[in-house]
Amino acid sequence: MATPEDLMEPLALTLGQKFEIEKFSREIDSSSDVQQLRSIAKDLLLAWQQQQAASAWAIRQSKGL
């Protein structure tokens, strides 16, 4: 079972994840297409909310709820 200290540690990104962040950051920075940027923002919003739902589900499962 996770200790309170475990829960306070920041999540560490893998090297691959860091490269993906850099790749997409550069793509966003180079874009001047407002529609493309809106689409990316909406995709990121959806992914963020799905991740929150998955995290909440995992916590409920770990607590046996």
PDB file of N, CA and C in Angstrom:
ATOM      1  N   MET A   1       0.846  -1.187   0.000  1.00  0.00           N
ATOM      2  CA  MET A   1       0.000   0.000   0.000  1.00  0.00           C
ATOM      3  C   MET A   1       0.885   1.242   0.000  1.00  0.00           C
ATOM      4  N   ALA A   2       0.459   2.243  -0.684  1.00  0.00           N
ATOM      5  CA  ALA A   2       1.234   3.484  -0.787  1.00  0.00           C
ATOM      6  C   ALA A   2       1.205   4.233   0.540  1.00  0.00           C
ATOM      7  N   THR A   3       2.351   4.756   0.903  1.00  0.00           N
ATOM      8  CA  THR A   3       2.445   5.575   2.107  1.00  0.00           C
ATOM      9  C   THR A   3       2.125   7.020   1.738  1.00  0.00           C
ATOM     10  N   PRO A   4       1.816   7.857   2.725  1.00  0.00           N
ATOM     11  CA  PRO A   4       1.583   9.279   2.410  1.00  0.00           C
ATOM     12  C   PRO A   4       2.781   9.920   1.714  1.00  0.00           C
ATOM     13  N   GLU A   5       3.990   9.474   2.076  1.00  0.00           N
ATOM     14  CA  GLU A   5       5.187  10.017   1.432  1.00  0.00           C
ATOM     15  C   GLU A   5       5.211   9.662  -0.053  1.00  0.00           C
ATOM     16  N   ASP A   6       4.794   8.423  -0.381  1.00  0.00           N
ATOM     17  CA  ASP A   6       4.744   8.003  -1.783  1.00  0.00           C
ATOM     18  C   ASP A   6       3.791   8.887  -2.581  1.00  0.00           C
ATOM     19  N   LEU A   7       2.692   9.248  -1.963  1.00  0.00           N
ATOM     20  CA  LEU A   7       1.686  10.046  -2.656  1.00  0.00           C
ATOM     21  C   LEU A   7       2.141  11.483  -2.872  1.00  0.00           C
ATOM     22  N   MET A   8       3.085  11.948  -2.080  1.00  0.00           N
ATOM     23  CA  MET A   8       3.560  13.322  -2.185  1.00  0.00           C
ATOM     24  C   MET A   8       4.685  13.476  -3.201  1.00  0.00           C
ATOM     25  N   GLU A   9       5.303  12.359  -3.623  1.00  0.00           N
ATOM     26  CA  GLU A   9       6.399  12.440  -4.578  1.00  0.00           C
ATOM     27  C   GLU A   9       5.864  12.849  -5.949  1.00  0.00           C
ATOM     28  N   PRO A  10       6.568  13.739  -6.625  1.00  0.00           N
ATOM     29  CA  PRO A  10       6.118  14.124  -7.968  1.00  0.00           C
ATOM     30  C   PRO A  10       6.279  12.961  -8.942  1.00  0.00           C
ATOM     31  N   LEU A  11       5.434  12.931  -9.926  1.00  0.00           N
ATOM     32  CA  LEU A  11       5.539  11.910 -10.959  1.00  0.00           C
ATOM     33  C   LEU A  11       6.735  12.224 -11.842  1.00  0.00           C
ATOM     34  N   ALA A  12       7.489  11.203 -12.156  1.00  0.00           N
ATOM     35  CA  ALA A  12       8.663  11.388 -13.007  1.00  0.00           C
ATOM     36  C   ALA A  12       8.314  10.998 -14.437  1.00  0.00           C
ATOM     37  N   LEU A  13       8.615  11.870 -15.371  1.00  0.00           N
ATOM     38  CA  LEU A  13       8.400  11.575 -16.783  1.00  0.00           C
ATOM     39  C   LEU A  13       9.579  10.769 -17.309  1.00  0.00           C
ATOM     40  N   THR A  14       9.285   9.857 -18.217  1.00  0.00           N
ATOM     41  CA  THR A  14      10.356   9.101 -18.854  1.00  0.00           C
ATOM     42  C   THR A  14      11.047   9.991 -19.877  1.00  0.00           C
ATOM     43  N   LEU A  15      12.213   9.559 -20.310  1.00  0.00           N
ATOM     44  CA  LEU A  15      12.939  10.307 -21.334  1.00  0.00           C
ATOM     45  C   LEU A  15      12.104  10.392 -22.611  1.00  0.00           C
ATOM     46  N   GLY A  16      11.435   9.299 -22.969  1.00  0.00           N
ATOM     47  CA  GLY A  16      10.575   9.290 -24.150  1.00  0.00           C
ATOM     48  C   GLY A  16       9.447  10.302 -24.043  1.00  0.00           C
ATOM     49  N   GLN A  17       8.852  10.411 -22.856  1.00  0.00           N
ATOM     50  CA  GLN A  17       7.781  11.380 -22.652  1.00  0.00           C
ATOM     51  C   GLN A  17       8.312  12.805 -22.770  1.00  0.00           C
ATOM     52  N   LYS A  18       9.500  13.031 -22.231  1.00  0.00           N
ATOM     53  CA  LYS A  18      10.101  14.362 -22.334  1.00  0.00           C
ATOM     54  C   LYS A  18      10.365  14.734 -23.788  1.00  0.00           C
ATOM     55  N   PHE A  19      10.807  13.766 -24.597  1.00  0.00           N
ATOM     56  CA  PHE A  19      11.026  14.029 -26.020  1.00  0.00           C
ATOM     57  C   PHE A  19       9.708  14.340 -26.727  1.00  0.00           C
ATOM     58  N   GLU A  20       8.653  13.595 -26.388  1.00  0.00           N
ATOM     59  CA  GLU A  20       7.344  13.851 -26.994  1.00  0.00           C
ATOM     60  C   GLU A  20       6.848  15.251 -26.641  1.00  0.00           C
ATOM     61  N   ILE A  21       7.024  15.654 -25.395  1.00  0.00           N
ATOM     62  CA  ILE A  21       6.624  16.996 -24.977  1.00  0.00           C
ATOM     63  C   ILE A  21       7.370  18.043 -25.789  1.00  0.00           C
ATOM     64  N   GLU A  22       8.667  17.862 -25.926  1.00  0.00           N
ATOM     65  CA  GLU A  22       9.477  18.819 -26.686  1.00  0.00           C
ATOM     66  C   GLU A  22       9.042  18.864 -28.150  1.00  0.00           C
ATOM     67  N   LYS A  23       8.798  17.692 -28.724  1.00  0.00           N
ATOM     68  CA  LYS A  23       8.377  17.610 -30.130  1.00  0.00           C
ATOM     69  C   LYS A  23       7.075  18.381 -30.355  1.00  0.00           C
ATOM     70  N   PHE A  24       6.079  18.116 -29.516  1.00  0.00           N
ATOM     71  CA  PHE A  24       4.795  18.773 -29.700  1.00  0.00           C
ATOM     72  C   PHE A  24       4.843  20.243 -29.301  1.00  0.00           C
ATOM     73  N   SER A  25       5.670  20.591 -28.334  1.00  0.00           N
ATOM     74  CA  SER A  25       5.836  22.002 -27.975  1.00  0.00           C
ATOM     75  C   SER A  25       6.369  22.790 -29.158  1.00  0.00           C
ATOM     76  N   ARG A  26       7.333  22.219 -29.847  1.00  0.00           N
ATOM     77  CA  ARG A  26       7.894  22.900 -31.020  1.00  0.00           C
ATOM     78  C   ARG A  26       6.855  23.022 -32.134  1.00  0.00           C
ATOM     79  N   GLU A  27       6.047  21.970 -32.296  1.00  0.00           N
ATOM     80  CA  GLU A  27       4.996  22.016 -33.325  1.00  0.00           C
ATOM     81  C   GLU A  27       3.989  23.119 -33.002  1.00  0.00           C
ATOM     82  N   ILE A  28       3.597  23.219 -31.747  1.00  0.00           N
ATOM     83  CA  ILE A  28       2.659  24.264 -31.330  1.00  0.00           C
ATOM     84  C   ILE A  28       3.274  25.644 -31.535  1.00  0.00           C
ATOM     85  N   ASP A  29       4.532  25.801 -31.123  1.00  0.00           N
ATOM     86  CA  ASP A  29       5.211  27.096 -31.263  1.00  0.00           C
ATOM     87  C   ASP A  29       5.335  27.538 -32.717  1.00  0.00           C
ATOM     88  N   SER A  30       5.473  26.585 -33.622  1.00  0.00           N
ATOM     89  CA  SER A  30       5.679  26.940 -35.027  1.00  0.00           C
ATOM     90  C   SER A  30       4.372  27.177 -35.782  1.00  0.00           C
ATOM     91  N   SER A  31       3.244  26.868 -35.158  1.00  0.00           N
ATOM     92  CA  SER A  31       1.958  26.995 -35.842  1.00  0.00           C
ATOM     93  C   SER A  31       1.413  28.417 -35.771  1.00  0.00           C
ATOM     94  N   SER A  32       0.912  28.870 -36.909  1.00  0.00           N
ATOM     95  CA  SER A  32       0.205  30.153 -36.935  1.00  0.00           C
ATOM     96  C   SER A  32      -1.254  29.934 -37.347  1.00  0.00           C
ATOM     97  N   ASP A  33      -1.638  28.667 -37.459  1.00  0.00           N
ATOM     98  CA  ASP A  33      -2.992  28.286 -37.857  1.00  0.00           C
ATOM     99  C   ASP A  33      -3.875  28.211 -36.604  1.00  0.00           C
ATOM    100  N   VAL A  34      -4.755  29.193 -36.446  1.00  0.00           N
ATOM    101  CA  VAL A  34      -5.603  29.266 -35.260  1.00  0.00           C
ATOM    102  C   VAL A  34      -6.499  28.040 -35.146  1.00  0.00           C
ATOM    103  N   GLN A  35      -7.037  27.568 -36.244  1.00  0.00           N
ATOM    104  CA  GLN A  35      -7.906  26.390 -36.208  1.00  0.00           C
ATOM    105  C   GLN A  35      -7.134  25.165 -35.718  1.00  0.00           C
ATOM    106  N   GLN A  36      -5.901  25.017 -36.194  1.00  0.00           N
ATOM    107  CA  GLN A  36      -5.077  23.892 -35.756  1.00  0.00           C
ATOM    108  C   GLN A  36      -4.799  23.991 -34.256  1.00  0.00           C
ATOM    109  N   LEU A  37      -4.484  25.186 -33.775  1.00  0.00           N
ATOM    110  CA  LEU A  37      -4.216  25.376 -32.353  1.00  0.00           C
ATOM    111  C   LEU A  37      -5.465  25.112 -31.513  1.00  0.00           C
ATOM    112  N   ARG A  38      -6.629  25.509 -32.004  1.00  0.00           N
ATOM    113  CA  ARG A  38      -7.881  25.213 -31.296  1.00  0.00           C
ATOM    114  C   ARG A  38      -8.116  23.716 -31.218  1.00  0.00           C
ATOM    115  N   SER A  39      -7.854  23.029 -32.316  1.00  0.00           N
ATOM    116  CA  SER A  39      -8.025  21.583 -32.353  1.00  0.00           C
ATOM    117  C   SER A  39      -7.085  20.895 -31.363  1.00  0.00           C
ATOM    118  N   ILE A  40      -5.837  21.336 -31.338  1.00  0.00           N
ATOM    119  CA  ILE A  40      -4.865  20.779 -30.390  1.00  0.00           C
ATOM    120  C   ILE A  40      -5.322  21.037 -28.956  1.00  0.00           C
ATOM    121  N   ALA A  41      -5.791  22.250 -28.677  1.00  0.00           N
ATOM    122  CA  ALA A  41      -6.247  22.593 -27.328  1.00  0.00           C
ATOM    123  C   ALA A  41      -7.416  21.709 -26.903  1.00  0.00           C
ATOM    124  N   LYS A  42      -8.349  21.474 -27.808  1.00  0.00           N
ATOM    125  CA  LYS A  42      -9.500  20.626 -27.493  1.00  0.00           C
ATOM    126  C   LYS A  42      -9.075  19.181 -27.278  1.00  0.00           C
ATOM    127  N   ASP A  43      -8.145  18.696 -28.091  1.00  0.00           N
ATOM    128  CA  ASP A  43      -7.625  17.335 -27.902  1.00  0.00           C
ATOM    129  C   ASP A  43      -6.941  17.201 -26.545  1.00  0.00           C
ATOM    130  N   LEU A  44      -6.163  18.211 -26.169  1.00  0.00           N
ATOM    131  CA  LEU A  44      -5.474  18.182 -24.878  1.00  0.00           C
ATOM    132  C   LEU A  44      -6.463  18.249 -23.720  1.00  0.00           C
ATOM    133  N   LEU A  45      -7.506  19.055 -23.849  1.00  0.00           N
ATOM    134  CA  LEU A  45      -8.533  19.146 -22.819  1.00  0.00           C
ATOM    135  C   LEU A  45      -9.220  17.796 -22.625  1.00  0.00           C
ATOM    136  N   LEU A  46      -9.563  17.147 -23.721  1.00  0.00           N
ATOM    137  CA  LEU A  46     -10.189  15.834 -23.651  1.00  0.00           C
ATOM    138  C   LEU A  46      -9.252  14.819 -22.994  1.00  0.00           C
ATOM    139  N   ALA A  47      -7.993  14.802 -23.404  1.00  0.00           N
ATOM    140  CA  ALA A  47      -7.023  13.863 -22.834  1.00  0.00           C
ATOM    141  C   ALA A  47      -6.838  14.114 -21.337  1.00  0.00           C
ATOM    142  N   TRP A  48      -6.797  15.369 -20.938  1.00  0.00           N
ATOM    143  CA  TRP A  48      -6.640  15.725 -19.528  1.00  0.00           C
ATOM    144  C   TRP A  48      -7.820  15.205 -18.706  1.00  0.00           C
ATOM    145  N   GLN A  49      -9.033  15.425 -19.201  1.00  0.00           N
ATOM    146  CA  GLN A  49     -10.219  14.975 -18.481  1.00  0.00           C
ATOM    147  C   GLN A  49     -10.295  13.450 -18.433  1.00  0.00           C
ATOM    148  N   GLN A  50      -9.903  12.788 -19.513  1.00  0.00           N
ATOM    149  CA  GLN A  50      -9.888  11.326 -19.519  1.00  0.00           C
ATOM    150  C   GLN A  50      -8.862  10.801 -18.516  1.00  0.00           C
ATOM    151  N   GLN A  51      -7.720  11.461 -18.420  1.00  0.00           N
ATOM    152  CA  GLN A  51      -6.697  11.058 -17.457  1.00  0.00           C
ATOM    153  C   GLN A  51      -7.198  11.247 -16.030  1.00  0.00           C
ATOM    154  N   GLN A  52      -7.902  12.343 -15.781  1.00  0.00           N
ATOM    155  CA  GLN A  52      -8.468  12.558 -14.447  1.00  0.00           C
ATOM    156  C   GLN A  52      -9.481  11.466 -14.108  1.00  0.00           C
ATOM    157  N   ALA A  53     -10.312  11.095 -15.062  1.00  0.00           N
ATOM    158  CA  ALA A  53     -11.294  10.040 -14.838  1.00  0.00           C
ATOM    159  C   ALA A  53     -10.601   8.703 -14.584  1.00  0.00           C
ATOM    160  N   ALA A  54      -9.548   8.409 -15.344  1.00  0.00           N
ATOM    161  CA  ALA A  54      -8.808   7.160 -15.156  1.00  0.00           C
ATOM    162  C   ALA A  54      -8.123   7.132 -13.794  1.00  0.00           C
ATOM    163  N   SER A  55      -7.575   8.254 -13.381  1.00  0.00           N
ATOM    164  CA  SER A  55      -6.922   8.330 -12.069  1.00  0.00           C
ATOM    165  C   SER A  55      -7.939   8.129 -10.951  1.00  0.00           C
ATOM    166  N   ALA A  56      -9.083   8.762 -11.067  1.00  0.00           N
ATOM    167  CA  ALA A  56     -10.133   8.610 -10.054  1.00  0.00           C
ATOM    168  C   ALA A  56     -10.611   7.164  -9.997  1.00  0.00           C
ATOM    169  N   TRP A  57     -10.765   6.526 -11.152  1.00  0.00           N
ATOM    170  CA  TRP A  57     -11.176   5.128 -11.201  1.00  0.00           C
ATOM    171  C   TRP A  57     -10.134   4.245 -10.520  1.00  0.00           C
ATOM    172  N   ALA A  58      -8.852   4.475 -10.807  1.00  0.00           N
ATOM    173  CA  ALA A  58      -7.777   3.672 -10.213  1.00  0.00           C
ATOM    174  C   ALA A  58      -7.753   3.833  -8.694  1.00  0.00           C
ATOM    175  N   ILE A  59      -7.986   5.048  -8.217  1.00  0.00           N
ATOM    176  CA  ILE A  59      -8.016   5.281  -6.770  1.00  0.00           C
ATOM    177  C   ILE A  59      -9.188   4.542  -6.143  1.00  0.00           C
ATOM    178  N   ARG A  60     -10.359   4.628  -6.781  1.00  0.00           N
ATOM    179  CA  ARG A  60     -11.531   3.909  -6.260  1.00  0.00           C
ATOM    180  C   ARG A  60     -11.277   2.410  -6.233  1.00  0.00           C
ATOM    181  N   GLN A  61     -10.660   1.879  -7.285  1.00  0.00           N
ATOM    182  CA  GLN A  61     -10.372   0.447  -7.345  1.00  0.00           C
ATOM    183  C   GLN A  61      -9.397   0.041  -6.244  1.00  0.00           C
ATOM    184  N   SER A  62      -8.395   0.865  -5.992  1.00  0.00           N
ATOM    185  CA  SER A  62      -7.398   0.530  -4.972  1.00  0.00           C
ATOM    186  C   SER A  62      -7.992   0.560  -3.567  1.00  0.00           C
ATOM    187  N   LYS A  63      -9.074   1.324  -3.400  1.00  0.00           N
ATOM    188  CA  LYS A  63      -9.743   1.408  -2.103  1.00  0.00           C
ATOM    189  C   LYS A  63     -10.892   0.409  -1.994  1.00  0.00           C
ATOM    190  N   GLY A  64     -11.131  -0.332  -3.073  1.00  0.00           N
ATOM    191  CA  GLY A  64     -12.192  -1.324  -3.064  1.00  0.00           C
ATOM    192  C   GLY A  64     -13.581  -0.734  -3.121  1.00  0.00           C
ATOM    193  N   LEU A  65     -13.706   0.442  -3.713  1.00  0.00           N
ATOM    194  CA  LEU A  65     -15.025   1.094  -3.804  1.00  0.00           C
ATOM    195  C   LEU A  65     -15.739   0.719  -5.075  1.00  0.00           C
TER     196      LEU A  65
END
